[in-house]
């Protein structure tokens, strides 16, 4: 695997960190539980403001970013992510058909909701594998 930022509590290999930015608590929990079962460290943000705080504080490998987060647009997080964490992969989650190339500029992948959990896990694995290895 590639850019793995979070040391394990037992002193073993580092664990990839995934930030789930989603205002739907059920979907956020579904992502968290299933990613944790795959041994990822998962952080959650229910708003763009909260996600901005997490990005400034934590090393993150992958962001799963809802297109519409409450009353804000998920894309509002991209400038901060690209400035503070340019190595972080971003996967857009959306239930809309807004998948035009200009809309997807700045993201690394796209998952349409509803999605299969295998697709979510596979996308995270693919994004991690595409990141350059740490020296």
Protein backbone atom coordinates (compact mmCIF):
# COMPACT_ATOMS: atom_id res chain seq x y z
CA UNK A 1 0.00 0.00 0.00
CA UNK A 2 1.05 3.59 -0.32
CA UNK A 3 0.73 6.69 1.81
CA UNK A 4 -0.25 5.28 5.17
CA UNK A 5 -0.28 7.95 7.78
CA UNK A 6 -1.64 6.65 11.07
CA UNK A 7 0.52 4.48 13.34
CA UNK A 8 -1.22 1.52 14.91
CA UNK A 9 -1.65 1.52 18.65
CA UNK A 10 0.24 -1.78 18.93
CA UNK A 11 3.31 -0.28 17.24
CA UNK A 12 2.75 -2.31 14.04
CA UNK A 13 2.46 -1.04 10.50
CA UNK A 14 0.67 2.20 9.88
CA UNK A 15 -3.03 2.21 9.02
CA UNK A 16 -4.56 4.26 6.20
CA UNK A 17 -6.91 7.03 7.32
CA UNK A 18 -10.20 7.71 5.53
CA UNK A 19 -12.29 10.82 6.18
CA UNK A 20 -16.01 10.36 5.46
CA UNK A 21 -17.73 13.70 4.82
CA UNK A 22 -21.43 12.89 4.75
CA UNK A 23 -24.43 14.59 6.37
CA UNK A 24 -26.58 11.45 6.43
CA UNK A 25 -25.74 9.78 9.77
CA UNK A 26 -26.86 6.32 8.60
CA UNK A 27 -24.67 6.40 5.50
CA UNK A 28 -21.76 7.86 7.45
CA UNK A 29 -22.03 5.04 9.99
CA UNK A 30 -22.34 2.41 7.23
CA UNK A 31 -19.13 3.69 5.62
CA UNK A 32 -17.30 3.89 8.96
CA UNK A 33 -18.24 0.41 10.16
CA UNK A 34 -17.40 -1.29 6.87
CA UNK A 35 -14.12 0.57 6.40
CA UNK A 36 -13.12 -0.25 9.98
CA UNK A 37 -13.84 -3.92 9.28
CA UNK A 38 -11.25 -3.59 6.50
CA UNK A 39 -8.80 -2.19 9.09
CA UNK A 40 -8.91 1.46 8.04
CA UNK A 41 -8.83 4.29 10.54
CA UNK A 42 -12.01 6.28 9.87
CA UNK A 43 -12.73 9.90 10.75
CA UNK A 44 -16.15 11.42 10.25
CA UNK A 45 -17.48 14.88 9.46
CA UNK A 46 -21.14 15.74 9.13
CA UNK A 47 -20.50 19.25 7.80
CA UNK A 48 -17.98 20.98 5.55
CA UNK A 49 -16.93 23.14 8.52
CA UNK A 50 -16.15 20.04 10.58
CA UNK A 51 -14.31 18.47 7.64
CA UNK A 52 -12.15 21.59 7.35
CA UNK A 53 -11.17 21.23 11.02
CA UNK A 54 -10.26 17.57 10.52
CA UNK A 55 -8.21 18.31 7.39
CA UNK A 56 -6.20 20.94 9.26
CA UNK A 57 -5.57 18.59 12.21
CA UNK A 58 -5.15 15.08 10.79
CA UNK A 59 -3.12 13.25 8.17
CA UNK A 60 -5.66 11.78 5.76
CA UNK A 61 -5.11 9.33 2.92
CA UNK A 62 -8.57 9.28 1.31
CA UNK A 63 -11.60 11.56 1.58
CA UNK A 64 -15.05 10.22 0.73
CA UNK A 65 -16.86 13.48 0.01
CA UNK A 66 -20.61 13.86 -0.38
CA UNK A 67 -21.54 16.31 -3.13
CA UNK A 68 -24.18 18.01 -0.98
CA UNK A 69 -23.29 18.24 2.71
CA UNK A 70 -26.14 19.93 4.54
CA UNK A 71 -26.55 23.43 3.18
CA UNK A 72 -23.06 23.50 1.61
CA UNK A 73 -21.47 21.99 -1.43
CA UNK A 74 -18.84 19.32 -0.80
CA UNK A 75 -16.61 20.93 -3.42
CA UNK A 76 -16.06 23.82 -1.02
CA UNK A 77 -13.60 21.54 0.79
CA UNK A 78 -11.40 20.94 -2.26
CA UNK A 79 -9.28 24.15 -2.18
CA UNK A 80 -8.28 23.52 1.44
CA UNK A 81 -7.59 19.84 0.73
CA UNK A 82 -5.43 20.63 -2.29
CA UNK A 83 -3.51 23.28 -0.34
CA UNK A 84 -3.09 21.47 3.00
CA UNK A 85 -3.13 17.83 1.83
CA UNK A 86 -2.32 17.68 -1.90
CA UNK A 87 -1.42 13.98 -1.64
CA UNK A 88 -4.88 13.06 -0.32
CA UNK A 89 -7.14 11.21 -2.76
CA UNK A 90 -10.72 12.46 -3.03
CA UNK A 91 -13.70 10.34 -4.04
CA UNK A 92 -16.97 12.15 -4.65
CA UNK A 93 -20.19 10.49 -3.42
CA UNK A 94 -23.41 11.63 -5.05
CA UNK A 95 -26.94 10.49 -5.63
CA UNK A 96 -27.36 12.94 -8.49
CA UNK A 97 -26.45 12.57 -12.14
CA UNK A 98 -24.00 15.47 -11.93
CA UNK A 99 -20.98 13.68 -13.34
CA UNK A 100 -19.88 16.09 -16.07
CA UNK A 101 -16.07 16.35 -16.37
CA UNK A 102 -15.96 19.99 -15.16
CA UNK A 103 -17.86 18.99 -12.03
CA UNK A 104 -15.41 16.18 -11.36
CA UNK A 105 -12.34 18.38 -11.73
CA UNK A 106 -10.21 18.08 -8.62
CA UNK A 107 -11.53 14.67 -7.57
CA UNK A 108 -9.84 11.32 -8.13
CA UNK A 109 -12.90 9.10 -8.36
CA UNK A 110 -16.69 9.10 -8.22
CA UNK A 111 -19.22 6.75 -6.62
CA UNK A 112 -22.92 7.11 -7.37
CA UNK A 113 -25.29 6.57 -4.44
CA UNK A 114 -26.71 4.15 -3.64
CA UNK A 115 -23.59 2.03 -3.93
CA UNK A 116 -22.48 -1.49 -3.13
CA UNK A 117 -20.10 -1.80 -0.18
CA UNK A 118 -17.70 -3.78 -2.36
CA UNK A 119 -17.50 -0.76 -4.69
CA UNK A 120 -16.74 1.55 -1.78
CA UNK A 121 -13.99 -0.68 -0.40
CA UNK A 122 -12.58 -1.35 -3.87
CA UNK A 123 -12.43 2.36 -4.65
CA UNK A 124 -10.60 3.16 -1.40
CA UNK A 125 -8.13 0.34 -2.07
CA UNK A 126 -7.56 1.55 -5.64
CA UNK A 127 -7.00 5.15 -4.52
CA UNK A 128 -4.51 4.05 -1.87
CA UNK A 129 -2.64 1.83 -4.32
CA UNK A 130 -2.31 4.77 -6.74
CA UNK A 131 -0.60 7.00 -4.16
CA UNK A 132 3.19 7.25 -4.17
CA UNK A 133 4.92 5.25 -1.46
CA UNK A 134 6.41 7.17 1.46
CA UNK A 135 10.20 7.24 1.58
